Amino acid sequence: MKLSDLNIALPPYREIAHSIDMEPEQKEAYRSFQDDLLTELRMALNQGSKRLLGVYLQALLGYSDSPWVQEIIKDKESGRVLAESTPLPENTLYPKEKELLRICTEAKRDNRKTVVYCVHTETRDITERLKKILGDAGLAGRGAESRKGKGR
């Protein structure tokens, strides 16, 4: 089935990227985690192994979305801990969440619908937290349910 088979008019689609700065404590914890991972990645690359490239990328992407979760990265072969993140307070509203609230509040004020997509829902699921944050702000109405995707 194709979208054209549905014979419905959709509104224009556009994506707008927002660059959000971390708060100082978050940035410091992120950099420390990144430095530890980068040291291990460089050692692996120097030995001809690219096996940590994906681990490096996914761990840092995930940590920036959920800095309250401690990430422990282990070598799958030896079990050795390669890097550990410093978990930050869970009861803090982080900059990306504040920006999401701003965007959703503005959309509600302008009577526009909003859809929030999350990645890493299988391994680093933040959907329940976002539903609570949006719900506490009176923004999670009908249809505020998770649709977890395999391997995301």
N, C-alpha and C. Protein backbone atom coordinates (compact mmCIF):
# COMPACT_ATOMS: atom_id res chain seq x y z
N MET A 1 0.84 -1.17 0.00
CA MET A 1 0.00 0.00 0.00
C MET A 1 0.89 1.24 0.00
N LYS A 2 0.49 2.22 -0.73
CA LYS A 2 1.20 3.48 -0.80
C LYS A 2 0.35 4.58 -0.19
N LEU A 3 1.00 5.65 0.21
CA LEU A 3 0.28 6.79 0.77
C LEU A 3 -0.76 7.33 -0.22
N SER A 4 -0.42 7.32 -1.49
CA SER A 4 -1.36 7.82 -2.51
C SER A 4 -2.62 6.96 -2.58
N ASP A 5 -2.55 5.69 -2.17
CA ASP A 5 -3.72 4.81 -2.16
C ASP A 5 -4.75 5.23 -1.12
N LEU A 6 -4.34 5.96 -0.12
CA LEU A 6 -5.25 6.37 0.95
C LEU A 6 -6.15 7.52 0.54
N ASN A 7 -5.74 8.26 -0.47
CA ASN A 7 -6.52 9.37 -0.99
C ASN A 7 -6.89 10.39 0.10
N ILE A 8 -5.91 10.72 0.94
CA ILE A 8 -6.12 11.76 1.95
C ILE A 8 -5.07 12.84 1.78
N ALA A 9 -5.47 14.04 2.09
CA ALA A 9 -4.53 15.17 2.00
C ALA A 9 -3.82 15.32 3.34
N LEU A 10 -2.53 15.29 3.30
CA LEU A 10 -1.74 15.49 4.50
C LEU A 10 -1.19 16.91 4.51
N PRO A 11 -0.97 17.45 5.69
CA PRO A 11 -0.37 18.79 5.74
C PRO A 11 1.06 18.72 5.25
N PRO A 12 1.62 19.84 4.87
CA PRO A 12 3.03 19.84 4.44
C PRO A 12 3.92 19.31 5.56
N TYR A 13 4.93 18.58 5.18
CA TYR A 13 5.85 17.99 6.14
C TYR A 13 7.16 18.76 6.13
N ARG A 14 7.67 19.01 7.32
CA ARG A 14 8.99 19.62 7.41
C ARG A 14 9.63 19.20 8.73
N GLU A 15 10.91 19.10 8.71
CA GLU A 15 11.68 18.79 9.91
C GLU A 15 12.50 20.01 10.25
N ILE A 16 12.54 20.32 11.52
CA ILE A 16 13.34 21.45 11.99
C ILE A 16 14.26 20.93 13.07
N ALA A 17 15.55 20.99 12.85
CA ALA A 17 16.52 20.53 13.84
C ALA A 17 16.76 21.65 14.85
N HIS A 18 16.75 21.28 16.11
CA HIS A 18 17.04 22.22 17.19
C HIS A 18 18.33 21.77 17.86
N SER A 19 19.27 22.66 17.97
CA SER A 19 20.50 22.37 18.70
C SER A 19 20.30 22.85 20.13
N ILE A 20 20.41 21.94 21.06
CA ILE A 20 20.16 22.26 22.47
C ILE A 20 21.45 22.06 23.26
N ASP A 21 21.88 23.10 23.94
CA ASP A 21 23.07 22.99 24.78
C ASP A 21 22.74 22.27 26.07
N MET A 22 23.69 21.46 26.53
CA MET A 22 23.52 20.78 27.81
C MET A 22 23.82 21.78 28.92
N GLU A 23 23.27 21.50 30.10
CA GLU A 23 23.62 22.33 31.24
C GLU A 23 25.03 21.93 31.68
N PRO A 24 25.74 22.81 32.41
CA PRO A 24 27.16 22.55 32.73
C PRO A 24 27.44 21.19 33.37
N GLU A 25 26.66 20.78 34.37
CA GLU A 25 26.90 19.49 35.02
C GLU A 25 26.73 18.34 34.04
N GLN A 26 25.71 18.44 33.19
CA GLN A 26 25.44 17.41 32.20
C GLN A 26 26.57 17.37 31.17
N LYS A 27 27.01 18.53 30.73
CA LYS A 27 28.09 18.61 29.74
C LYS A 27 29.38 18.02 30.29
N GLU A 28 29.68 18.31 31.55
CA GLU A 28 30.89 17.77 32.17
C GLU A 28 30.83 16.25 32.28
N ALA A 29 29.70 15.72 32.72
CA ALA A 29 29.54 14.26 32.83
C ALA A 29 29.62 13.60 31.45
N TYR A 30 29.00 14.23 30.46
CA TYR A 30 29.03 13.72 29.08
C TYR A 30 30.47 13.68 28.56
N ARG A 31 31.19 14.77 28.76
CA ARG A 31 32.58 14.83 28.26
C ARG A 31 33.47 13.78 28.91
N SER A 32 33.28 13.56 30.21
CA SER A 32 34.07 12.55 30.91
C SER A 32 33.78 11.17 30.34
N PHE A 33 32.50 10.86 30.13
CA PHE A 33 32.09 9.59 29.55
C PHE A 33 32.64 9.46 28.14
N GLN A 34 32.52 10.53 27.37
CA GLN A 34 33.03 10.54 25.99
C GLN A 34 34.53 10.31 25.96
N ASP A 35 35.27 10.97 26.85
CA ASP A 35 36.73 10.80 26.88
C ASP A 35 37.12 9.36 27.17
N ASP A 36 36.43 8.74 28.15
CA ASP A 36 36.73 7.34 28.49
C ASP A 36 36.43 6.43 27.30
N LEU A 37 35.29 6.64 26.66
CA LEU A 37 34.93 5.84 25.49
C LEU A 37 35.89 6.05 24.34
N LEU A 38 36.28 7.31 24.12
CA LEU A 38 37.18 7.63 23.03
C LEU A 38 38.55 6.99 23.22
N THR A 39 39.02 6.95 24.45
CA THR A 39 40.30 6.29 24.75
C THR A 39 40.23 4.82 24.36
N GLU A 40 39.15 4.15 24.75
CA GLU A 40 38.97 2.73 24.42
C GLU A 40 38.78 2.53 22.92
N LEU A 41 38.05 3.42 22.28
CA LEU A 41 37.82 3.34 20.84
C LEU A 41 39.14 3.48 20.09
N ARG A 42 39.95 4.44 20.48
CA ARG A 42 41.26 4.63 19.82
C ARG A 42 42.16 3.42 19.97
N MET A 43 42.14 2.82 21.16
CA MET A 43 42.96 1.62 21.37
C MET A 43 42.49 0.49 20.46
N ALA A 44 41.18 0.33 20.36
CA ALA A 44 40.63 -0.73 19.50
C ALA A 44 40.97 -0.46 18.03
N LEU A 45 40.82 0.80 17.60
CA LEU A 45 41.14 1.15 16.21
C LEU A 45 42.62 0.93 15.92
N ASN A 46 43.48 1.26 16.87
CA ASN A 46 44.92 1.04 16.69
C ASN A 46 45.27 -0.43 16.56
N GLN A 47 44.41 -1.28 17.10
CA GLN A 47 44.61 -2.73 17.00
C GLN A 47 43.88 -3.30 15.78
N GLY A 48 43.30 -2.42 14.98
CA GLY A 48 42.63 -2.85 13.76
C GLY A 48 41.18 -3.25 13.94
N SER A 49 40.61 -2.97 15.11
CA SER A 49 39.23 -3.36 15.38
C SER A 49 38.30 -2.15 15.33
N LYS A 50 37.19 -2.30 14.60
CA LYS A 50 36.20 -1.24 14.52
C LYS A 50 34.97 -1.56 15.37
N ARG A 51 35.07 -2.57 16.21
CA ARG A 51 33.91 -3.07 16.95
C ARG A 51 33.31 -2.07 17.93
N LEU A 52 34.06 -1.06 18.34
CA LEU A 52 33.53 -0.10 19.32
C LEU A 52 32.93 1.15 18.68
N LEU A 53 32.99 1.25 17.36
CA LEU A 53 32.45 2.45 16.70
C LEU A 53 30.96 2.62 16.99
N GLY A 54 30.19 1.58 16.82
CA GLY A 54 28.75 1.64 17.08
C GLY A 54 28.45 1.84 18.55
N VAL A 55 29.21 1.17 19.40
CA VAL A 55 29.03 1.30 20.85
C VAL A 55 29.26 2.75 21.27
N TYR A 56 30.32 3.34 20.76
CA TYR A 56 30.67 4.73 21.06
C TYR A 56 29.52 5.66 20.68
N LEU A 57 29.06 5.53 19.45
CA LEU A 57 28.00 6.40 18.95
C LEU A 57 26.70 6.22 19.73
N GLN A 58 26.23 5.00 19.89
CA GLN A 58 24.95 4.75 20.53
C GLN A 58 24.96 5.11 22.02
N ALA A 59 26.07 4.85 22.70
CA ALA A 59 26.15 5.19 24.13
C ALA A 59 26.08 6.69 24.34
N LEU A 60 26.77 7.44 23.50
CA LEU A 60 26.75 8.90 23.66
C LEU A 60 25.42 9.51 23.23
N LEU A 61 24.82 8.97 22.19
CA LEU A 61 23.49 9.45 21.79
C LEU A 61 22.47 9.17 22.90
N GLY A 62 22.53 7.99 23.46
CA GLY A 62 21.60 7.62 24.52
C GLY A 62 21.81 8.41 25.79
N TYR A 63 23.05 8.64 26.15
CA TYR A 63 23.33 9.37 27.40
C TYR A 63 22.82 10.80 27.33
N SER A 64 22.91 11.42 26.18
CA SER A 64 22.45 12.81 26.08
C SER A 64 20.93 12.91 26.26
N ASP A 65 20.20 11.83 25.98
CA ASP A 65 18.75 11.82 26.16
C ASP A 65 18.32 11.36 27.55
N SER A 66 19.19 10.64 28.24
CA SER A 66 18.82 10.11 29.56
C SER A 66 20.04 10.11 30.49
N PRO A 67 20.48 11.30 30.89
CA PRO A 67 21.69 11.37 31.71
C PRO A 67 21.52 10.85 33.14
N TRP A 68 20.31 10.53 33.54
CA TRP A 68 20.05 9.98 34.87
C TRP A 68 20.29 8.47 34.90
N VAL A 69 20.47 7.86 33.75
CA VAL A 69 20.70 6.41 33.66
C VAL A 69 22.21 6.16 33.58
N GLN A 70 22.71 5.29 34.43
CA GLN A 70 24.14 4.97 34.37
C GLN A 70 24.39 3.98 33.25
N GLU A 71 25.26 4.38 32.35
CA GLU A 71 25.69 3.51 31.25
C GLU A 71 26.98 2.82 31.68
N ILE A 72 27.02 1.52 31.59
CA ILE A 72 28.24 0.76 31.85
C ILE A 72 28.56 0.00 30.58
N ILE A 73 29.64 0.38 29.95
CA ILE A 73 30.04 -0.24 28.69
C ILE A 73 31.13 -1.27 28.99
N LYS A 74 30.82 -2.51 28.63
CA LYS A 74 31.77 -3.61 28.88
C LYS A 74 32.23 -4.20 27.56
N ASP A 75 33.44 -4.73 27.59
CA ASP A 75 33.97 -5.47 26.46
C ASP A 75 33.23 -6.81 26.43
N LYS A 76 32.60 -7.11 25.30
CA LYS A 76 31.80 -8.34 25.21
C LYS A 76 32.65 -9.60 25.33
N GLU A 77 33.91 -9.50 24.94
CA GLU A 77 34.77 -10.70 24.98
C GLU A 77 35.34 -10.93 26.37
N SER A 78 35.89 -9.89 26.99
CA SER A 78 36.57 -10.07 28.27
C SER A 78 35.70 -9.72 29.48
N GLY A 79 34.64 -8.96 29.27
CA GLY A 79 33.81 -8.51 30.39
C GLY A 79 34.37 -7.30 31.10
N ARG A 80 35.51 -6.81 30.64
CA ARG A 80 36.15 -5.65 31.26
C ARG A 80 35.32 -4.39 31.03
N VAL A 81 35.18 -3.58 32.09
CA VAL A 81 34.46 -2.31 31.97
C VAL A 81 35.32 -1.33 31.20
N LEU A 82 34.77 -0.83 30.10
CA LEU A 82 35.49 0.12 29.25
C LEU A 82 35.21 1.56 29.65
N ALA A 83 33.99 1.83 30.05
CA ALA A 83 33.60 3.18 30.45
C ALA A 83 32.31 3.12 31.25
N GLU A 84 32.18 4.07 32.15
CA GLU A 84 30.96 4.21 32.96
C GLU A 84 30.55 5.67 32.97
N SER A 85 29.28 5.91 32.76
CA SER A 85 28.80 7.28 32.84
C SER A 85 28.45 7.60 34.29
N THR A 86 28.46 8.87 34.59
CA THR A 86 28.04 9.34 35.90
C THR A 86 26.56 9.68 35.80
N PRO A 87 25.70 8.95 36.53
CA PRO A 87 24.27 9.27 36.45
C PRO A 87 23.98 10.59 37.16
N LEU A 88 23.16 11.41 36.54
CA LEU A 88 22.76 12.69 37.10
C LEU A 88 21.38 12.54 37.75
N PRO A 89 20.95 13.52 38.53
CA PRO A 89 19.67 13.40 39.23
C PRO A 89 18.50 13.16 38.28
N GLU A 90 17.65 12.20 38.64
CA GLU A 90 16.52 11.84 37.80
C GLU A 90 15.39 12.87 37.89
N ASN A 91 15.32 13.59 38.99
CA ASN A 91 14.21 14.52 39.19
C ASN A 91 14.47 15.90 38.57
N THR A 92 15.52 16.02 37.78
CA THR A 92 15.84 17.27 37.10
C THR A 92 15.21 17.28 35.72
N LEU A 93 14.71 18.42 35.30
CA LEU A 93 14.22 18.59 33.94
C LEU A 93 15.40 19.08 33.10
N TYR A 94 15.82 18.29 32.12
CA TYR A 94 17.02 18.59 31.34
C TYR A 94 16.67 19.47 30.14
N PRO A 95 17.68 20.14 29.56
CA PRO A 95 17.42 21.11 28.48
C PRO A 95 16.59 20.60 27.31
N LYS A 96 16.82 19.38 26.85
CA LYS A 96 16.02 18.85 25.74
C LYS A 96 14.56 18.70 26.15
N GLU A 97 14.33 18.30 27.38
CA GLU A 97 12.97 18.16 27.87
C GLU A 97 12.30 19.53 28.00
N LYS A 98 13.04 20.51 28.46
CA LYS A 98 12.50 21.87 28.57
C LYS A 98 12.13 22.40 27.19
N GLU A 99 12.97 22.12 26.20
CA GLU A 99 12.68 22.58 24.84
C GLU A 99 11.46 21.85 24.27
N LEU A 100 11.35 20.56 24.55
CA LEU A 100 10.18 19.81 24.11
C LEU A 100 8.90 20.40 24.73
N LEU A 101 8.96 20.72 26.00
CA LEU A 101 7.81 21.35 26.66
C LEU A 101 7.46 22.68 26.01
N ARG A 102 8.48 23.47 25.69
CA ARG A 102 8.25 24.76 25.05
C ARG A 102 7.56 24.57 23.70
N ILE A 103 8.08 23.65 22.90
CA ILE A 103 7.52 23.39 21.57
C ILE A 103 6.08 22.90 21.68
N CYS A 104 5.83 21.96 22.58
CA CYS A 104 4.47 21.40 22.72
C CYS A 104 3.50 22.43 23.29
N THR A 105 3.95 23.25 24.21
CA THR A 105 3.10 24.30 24.77
C THR A 105 2.72 25.30 23.69
N GLU A 106 3.69 25.68 22.89
CA GLU A 106 3.44 26.61 21.78
C GLU A 106 2.45 26.00 20.77
N ALA A 107 2.63 24.73 20.47
CA ALA A 107 1.74 24.07 19.52
C ALA A 107 0.32 24.02 20.07
N LYS A 108 0.18 23.70 21.35
CA LYS A 108 -1.15 23.65 21.96
C LYS A 108 -1.80 25.03 21.93
N ARG A 109 -1.02 26.05 22.26
CA ARG A 109 -1.54 27.42 22.24
C ARG A 109 -2.04 27.79 20.85
N ASP A 110 -1.33 27.31 19.82
CA ASP A 110 -1.70 27.61 18.44
C ASP A 110 -2.68 26.59 17.86
N ASN A 111 -3.19 25.70 18.71
CA ASN A 111 -4.16 24.68 18.31
C ASN A 111 -3.61 23.75 17.23
N ARG A 112 -2.33 23.40 17.36
CA ARG A 112 -1.69 22.45 16.44
C ARG A 112 -1.44 21.14 17.17
N LYS A 113 -1.56 20.05 16.46
CA LYS A 113 -1.27 18.75 17.04
C LYS A 113 0.23 18.50 17.01
N THR A 114 0.68 17.68 17.92
CA THR A 114 2.11 17.38 18.02
C THR A 114 2.31 15.88 18.16
N VAL A 115 3.30 15.38 17.46
CA VAL A 115 3.70 13.98 17.59
C VAL A 115 5.16 13.99 18.02
N VAL A 116 5.47 13.20 19.05
CA VAL A 116 6.84 13.11 19.54
C VAL A 116 7.33 11.69 19.26
N TYR A 117 8.39 11.58 18.48
CA TYR A 117 8.99 10.29 18.17
C TYR A 117 10.23 10.09 19.04
N CYS A 118 10.39 8.88 19.53
CA CYS A 118 11.56 8.54 20.35
C CYS A 118 12.30 7.39 19.69
N VAL A 119 13.61 7.41 19.84
CA VAL A 119 14.44 6.30 19.36
C VAL A 119 15.00 5.57 20.58
N HIS A 120 15.62 4.46 20.35
CA HIS A 120 16.19 3.61 21.40
C HIS A 120 15.12 3.12 22.37
N THR A 121 13.90 2.91 21.91
CA THR A 121 12.84 2.51 22.82
C THR A 121 12.99 1.08 23.33
N GLU A 122 13.82 0.30 22.70
CA GLU A 122 14.05 -1.07 23.14
C GLU A 122 15.12 -1.10 24.25
N THR A 123 16.12 -0.22 24.15
CA THR A 123 17.25 -0.28 25.08
C THR A 123 17.33 0.90 26.04
N ARG A 124 16.88 2.06 25.65
CA ARG A 124 16.97 3.26 26.49
C ARG A 124 15.65 4.03 26.41
N ASP A 125 14.58 3.38 26.80
CA ASP A 125 13.24 3.92 26.61
C ASP A 125 12.98 5.11 27.53
N ILE A 126 12.71 6.27 26.94
CA ILE A 126 12.38 7.46 27.71
C ILE A 126 10.93 7.86 27.53
N THR A 127 10.14 7.03 26.86
CA THR A 127 8.76 7.42 26.54
C THR A 127 7.91 7.62 27.79
N GLU A 128 8.06 6.77 28.80
CA GLU A 128 7.26 6.93 30.03
C GLU A 128 7.61 8.24 30.72
N ARG A 129 8.87 8.57 30.75
CA ARG A 129 9.29 9.83 31.37
C ARG A 129 8.70 11.01 30.61
N LEU A 130 8.79 10.97 29.29
CA LEU A 130 8.25 12.08 28.50
C LEU A 130 6.74 12.18 28.65
N LYS A 131 6.05 11.05 28.70
CA LYS A 131 4.60 11.08 28.91
C LYS A 131 4.27 11.74 30.25
N LYS A 132 5.06 11.44 31.28
CA LYS A 132 4.82 12.04 32.60
C LYS A 132 5.09 13.54 32.56
N ILE A 133 6.21 13.93 31.97
CA ILE A 133 6.55 15.36 31.89
C ILE A 133 5.47 16.12 31.13
N LEU A 134 5.08 15.60 29.98
CA LEU A 134 4.04 16.26 29.19
C LEU A 134 2.69 16.22 29.90
N GLY A 135 2.38 15.11 30.54
CA GLY A 135 1.13 15.00 31.28
C GLY A 135 1.06 15.96 32.45
N ASP A 136 2.16 16.09 33.19
CA ASP A 136 2.21 17.03 34.31
C ASP A 136 2.00 18.47 33.85
N ALA A 137 2.37 18.74 32.60
CA ALA A 137 2.21 20.09 32.04
C ALA A 137 0.85 20.24 31.35
N GLY A 138 0.02 19.20 31.43
CA GLY A 138 -1.30 19.25 30.79
C GLY A 138 -1.24 19.12 29.28
N LEU A 139 -0.19 18.45 28.78
CA LEU A 139 0.00 18.37 27.33
C LEU A 139 -0.19 16.98 26.75
N ALA A 140 -0.31 15.96 27.58
CA ALA A 140 -0.47 14.60 27.06
C ALA A 140 -1.94 14.26 27.09
N GLY A 141 -2.58 14.41 25.95
CA GLY A 141 -4.01 14.14 25.86
C GLY A 141 -4.26 12.80 25.23
N ARG A 142 -5.31 12.74 24.45
CA ARG A 142 -5.66 11.50 23.74
C ARG A 142 -4.49 11.06 22.88
N GLY A 143 -4.32 9.77 22.81
CA GLY A 143 -3.30 9.21 21.93
C GLY A 143 -1.91 9.26 22.52
N ALA A 144 -1.78 9.53 23.81
CA ALA A 144 -0.46 9.59 24.42
C ALA A 144 -0.03 8.19 24.83
N GLU A 145 0.23 7.37 23.85
CA GLU A 145 0.65 6.01 24.15
C GLU A 145 1.96 5.71 23.44
N SER A 146 2.64 4.72 23.97
CA SER A 146 3.91 4.30 23.38
C SER A 146 3.66 3.29 22.29
N ARG A 147 4.44 3.38 21.28
CA ARG A 147 4.44 2.36 20.23
C ARG A 147 5.88 1.96 20.04
N LYS A 148 6.33 1.00 20.85
CA LYS A 148 7.72 0.58 20.81
C LYS A 148 8.01 -0.17 19.53
N GLY A 149 9.14 0.17 18.93
CA GLY A 149 9.57 -0.51 17.72
C GLY A 149 10.73 -1.43 18.02
N LYS A 150 10.72 -2.59 17.44
CA LYS A 150 11.82 -3.55 17.63
C LYS A 150 13.11 -2.96 17.06
N GLY A 151 14.17 -3.09 17.85
CA GLY A 151 15.49 -2.69 17.38
C GLY A 151 15.70 -1.19 17.30
N ARG A 152 14.84 -0.41 17.88
CA ARG A 152 14.97 1.04 17.82
C ARG A 152 15.67 1.57 19.04
